[in-house]
């Protein structure tokens, strides 16, 4: 592992059931237990799945034509069984429209391949979820 490969965020409790995550660049996002409008951790996971693939697909298609619509819906079922709480049947669905301009036919043609390539190889988030990566949880002495 190299310094360039390390990714990190810190999470701080702001009040009961409310938290703020901060990345190494100083960006923040608030989330919580779902009692308000804040995203829950599961919703952040779904957003990360859709966002990761969206970044890849946008980079591949928008160089040919600027979309008039670019939306990604991410759904899944939260279940609790003998394996614990988890998500099943996660689906990432793209709805992308290109205007009738130069390059649009090329953008439309590569869209399915861009989605597949992101899912199968490029998107770190979906690759990590699908392959499965051990997570270690520890308590640091205060």
Foldseek 3Di string as FASTA:
>chain_A
DDPVVDWDWDWDAPDVFKIWIAGPVGDIAIAGDPPDDGHHPVSVLQCLVQVLLLVQLCVVQVVQFNWPDWDKDWDWDWDQDPVGTDTPPIDIDIDTHGDPDGRRVVSVVCNVVSSVCCQVPNRPSNVCVVVDDDDDDDDDDD
